[in-house]
Amino acid sequence: MKKTIFICSLLLTLVALNVQAQSFDFKIDHFSLVVEDSDKSADFYSKILLLEETPHPDKAPGFRWFIVSGSSQIHLIEKEFAPFEKNKSMHLCLSTQDLDGMIAHLEKNKVPYWDWPGKKSAVTLRSDGVRQIYLQDPDGYWIEINTAKH
């Protein structure tokens, strides 16, 4: 009897956990960054990260939108913003299978990059085999570029 009650309790717990699991099928639509100069930042995102710009629907000045992958975007919004410390732990991450090509592109354009501990021009090899580097955009936001497969 105790064994049956335990099994029933376990099944009810598993059912309850399943009901609480993600059920909204989220996709990342966009990530917005407040920038000081949208044209300067747009140059970085288009010429350094090689992202394709897509028009803002209202063609409003100070807004620059870039396609990351599929329908995911980065929105740059030029406006006054209270300054805050930007550290590597708070970053945007982009994944590519051509990290060496990206590094060559950064070096050609004299854009510095670091590994996770902070060594300049170095690559971190994570314990799961993913390689990663970090760089900063013109506003000091950190961007991780890694080789994670999705």
Protein backbone atom coordinates (compact mmCIF):
# COMPACT_ATOMS: atom_id res chain seq x y z
CA MET A 1 0.00 0.00 0.00
CA LYS A 2 2.80 2.45 0.92
CA LYS A 3 4.55 1.59 -2.34
CA THR A 4 1.35 2.34 -4.34
CA ILE A 5 0.87 5.68 -2.56
CA PHE A 6 4.52 6.57 -3.27
CA ILE A 7 4.20 5.70 -6.97
CA CYS A 8 0.94 7.67 -7.25
CA SER A 9 2.57 10.67 -5.52
CA LEU A 10 5.54 10.43 -7.87
CA LEU A 11 3.29 10.31 -10.94
CA LEU A 12 1.25 13.30 -9.74
CA THR A 13 4.47 15.25 -9.14
CA LEU A 14 5.74 14.44 -12.64
CA VAL A 15 2.41 15.46 -14.17
CA ALA A 16 2.48 18.73 -12.20
CA LEU A 17 6.04 19.44 -13.34
CA ASN A 18 5.08 18.77 -16.94
CA VAL A 19 2.17 21.21 -16.69
CA GLN A 20 4.57 23.90 -15.43
CA ALA A 21 7.08 23.32 -18.26
CA GLN A 22 7.46 25.97 -20.96
CA SER A 23 4.49 25.79 -23.29
CA PHE A 24 4.66 29.11 -25.16
CA ASP A 25 7.22 28.12 -27.85
CA PHE A 26 9.16 31.37 -27.40
CA LYS A 27 11.63 32.60 -30.00
CA ILE A 28 13.83 35.63 -29.46
CA ASP A 29 12.28 38.45 -31.48
CA HIS A 30 14.78 41.22 -30.76
CA PHE A 31 17.27 42.62 -28.31
CA SER A 32 17.35 46.42 -27.87
CA LEU A 33 20.37 48.50 -26.95
CA VAL A 34 20.29 52.17 -26.04
CA VAL A 35 23.19 53.84 -27.87
CA GLU A 36 24.76 57.27 -27.84
CA ASP A 37 25.13 57.61 -31.63
CA SER A 38 22.96 55.29 -33.74
CA ASP A 39 24.98 55.92 -36.92
CA LYS A 40 28.29 55.09 -35.25
CA SER A 41 26.82 51.97 -33.63
CA ALA A 42 25.13 50.97 -36.90
CA ASP A 43 28.53 51.12 -38.64
CA PHE A 44 29.89 48.64 -36.09
CA TYR A 45 26.96 46.23 -36.37
CA SER A 46 26.98 46.35 -40.19
CA LYS A 47 30.72 46.54 -40.97
CA ILE A 48 32.24 44.61 -38.06
CA LEU A 49 29.54 42.06 -37.21
CA LEU A 50 28.36 42.03 -40.86
CA LEU A 51 24.68 42.08 -39.88
CA GLU A 52 22.10 43.10 -42.46
CA GLU A 53 20.18 46.26 -41.65
CA THR A 54 16.40 46.18 -41.97
CA PRO A 55 14.30 49.34 -42.11
CA HIS A 56 12.50 50.63 -39.05
CA PRO A 57 8.77 50.52 -39.93
CA ASP A 58 8.27 54.21 -39.09
CA LYS A 59 11.63 55.31 -40.53
CA ALA A 60 12.08 57.22 -37.26
CA PRO A 61 15.47 58.89 -36.77
CA GLY A 62 17.71 57.35 -34.12
CA PHE A 63 16.44 53.80 -34.67
CA ARG A 64 18.55 51.24 -36.52
CA TRP A 65 17.49 47.60 -36.78
CA PHE A 66 19.65 44.62 -37.78
CA ILE A 67 18.76 41.03 -38.63
CA VAL A 68 20.69 38.44 -36.63
CA SER A 69 19.19 35.19 -37.89
CA GLY A 70 15.81 34.44 -39.39
CA SER A 71 13.49 36.96 -37.78
CA SER A 72 15.64 37.70 -34.69
CA GLN A 73 16.93 41.26 -34.60
CA ILE A 74 19.05 43.76 -32.70
CA HIS A 75 17.48 47.21 -32.30
CA LEU A 76 19.72 50.20 -31.69
CA ILE A 77 17.90 53.10 -30.08
CA GLU A 78 19.59 56.49 -29.79
CA LYS A 79 18.47 58.30 -26.66
CA GLU A 80 19.72 59.64 -23.36
CA PHE A 81 20.40 56.92 -20.90
CA ALA A 82 21.69 56.74 -17.35
CA PRO A 83 25.24 55.38 -17.53
CA PHE A 84 25.97 52.07 -15.84
CA GLU A 85 28.90 49.70 -15.54
CA LYS A 86 28.99 47.31 -18.46
CA ASN A 87 30.70 44.06 -17.58
CA LYS A 88 31.30 40.86 -19.50
CA SER A 89 28.76 38.90 -17.49
CA MET A 90 26.01 40.98 -19.11
CA HIS A 91 26.45 40.40 -22.82
CA LEU A 92 24.83 39.63 -26.14
CA CYS A 93 26.00 36.30 -27.57
CA LEU A 94 26.20 35.45 -31.25
CA SER A 95 27.18 32.01 -32.49
CA THR A 96 29.13 31.15 -35.64
CA GLN A 97 30.87 28.05 -36.93
CA ASP A 98 33.54 30.30 -38.51
CA LEU A 99 35.12 31.83 -35.42
CA ASP A 100 38.56 31.85 -37.08
CA GLY A 101 37.13 33.83 -40.01
CA MET A 102 35.49 36.24 -37.58
CA ILE A 103 38.76 36.69 -35.68
CA ALA A 104 40.60 37.39 -38.96
CA HIS A 105 37.91 39.96 -39.84
CA LEU A 106 38.25 41.63 -36.42
CA GLU A 107 42.05 41.75 -36.70
CA LYS A 108 41.86 43.16 -40.25
CA ASN A 109 39.58 45.92 -38.93
CA LYS A 110 41.73 46.48 -35.81
CA VAL A 111 38.88 45.54 -33.45
CA PRO A 112 40.26 44.15 -30.17
CA TYR A 113 38.86 41.00 -28.58
CA TRP A 114 39.52 39.11 -25.37
CA ASP A 115 39.02 35.69 -23.84
CA TRP A 116 36.75 35.26 -20.79
CA PRO A 117 39.51 35.89 -18.19
CA GLY A 118 40.53 39.09 -20.03
CA LYS A 119 43.61 38.18 -22.08
CA LYS A 120 43.68 40.30 -25.23
CA SER A 121 43.62 38.50 -28.62
CA ALA A 122 42.94 35.16 -26.96
CA VAL A 123 40.23 32.54 -27.29
CA THR A 124 38.56 30.67 -24.42
CA LEU A 125 37.93 26.95 -24.80
CA ARG A 126 34.97 26.07 -22.60
CA SER A 127 34.72 22.68 -20.91
CA ASP A 128 32.00 21.70 -23.41
CA GLY A 129 34.36 22.30 -26.36
CA VAL A 130 32.82 25.63 -27.42
CA ARG A 131 35.34 28.34 -28.36
CA GLN A 132 34.50 31.94 -27.45
CA ILE A 133 35.78 35.49 -27.65
CA TYR A 134 34.47 38.82 -26.33
CA LEU A 135 34.51 42.26 -27.90
CA GLN A 136 32.86 45.60 -27.21
CA ASP A 137 30.71 47.78 -29.44
CA PRO A 138 31.18 51.60 -29.58
CA ASP A 139 28.98 52.05 -26.48
CA GLY A 140 30.94 49.53 -24.44
CA TYR A 141 28.38 46.71 -24.57
CA TRP A 142 30.03 43.30 -24.43
CA ILE A 143 29.40 40.80 -27.22
CA GLU A 144 30.38 37.15 -26.98
CA ILE A 145 30.98 35.29 -30.21
CA ASN A 146 31.18 31.54 -29.86
CA THR A 147 30.97 28.27 -31.76
CA ALA A 148 27.93 26.75 -30.01
CA LYS A 149 25.76 24.71 -32.36
CA HIS A 150 22.00 25.22 -32.31
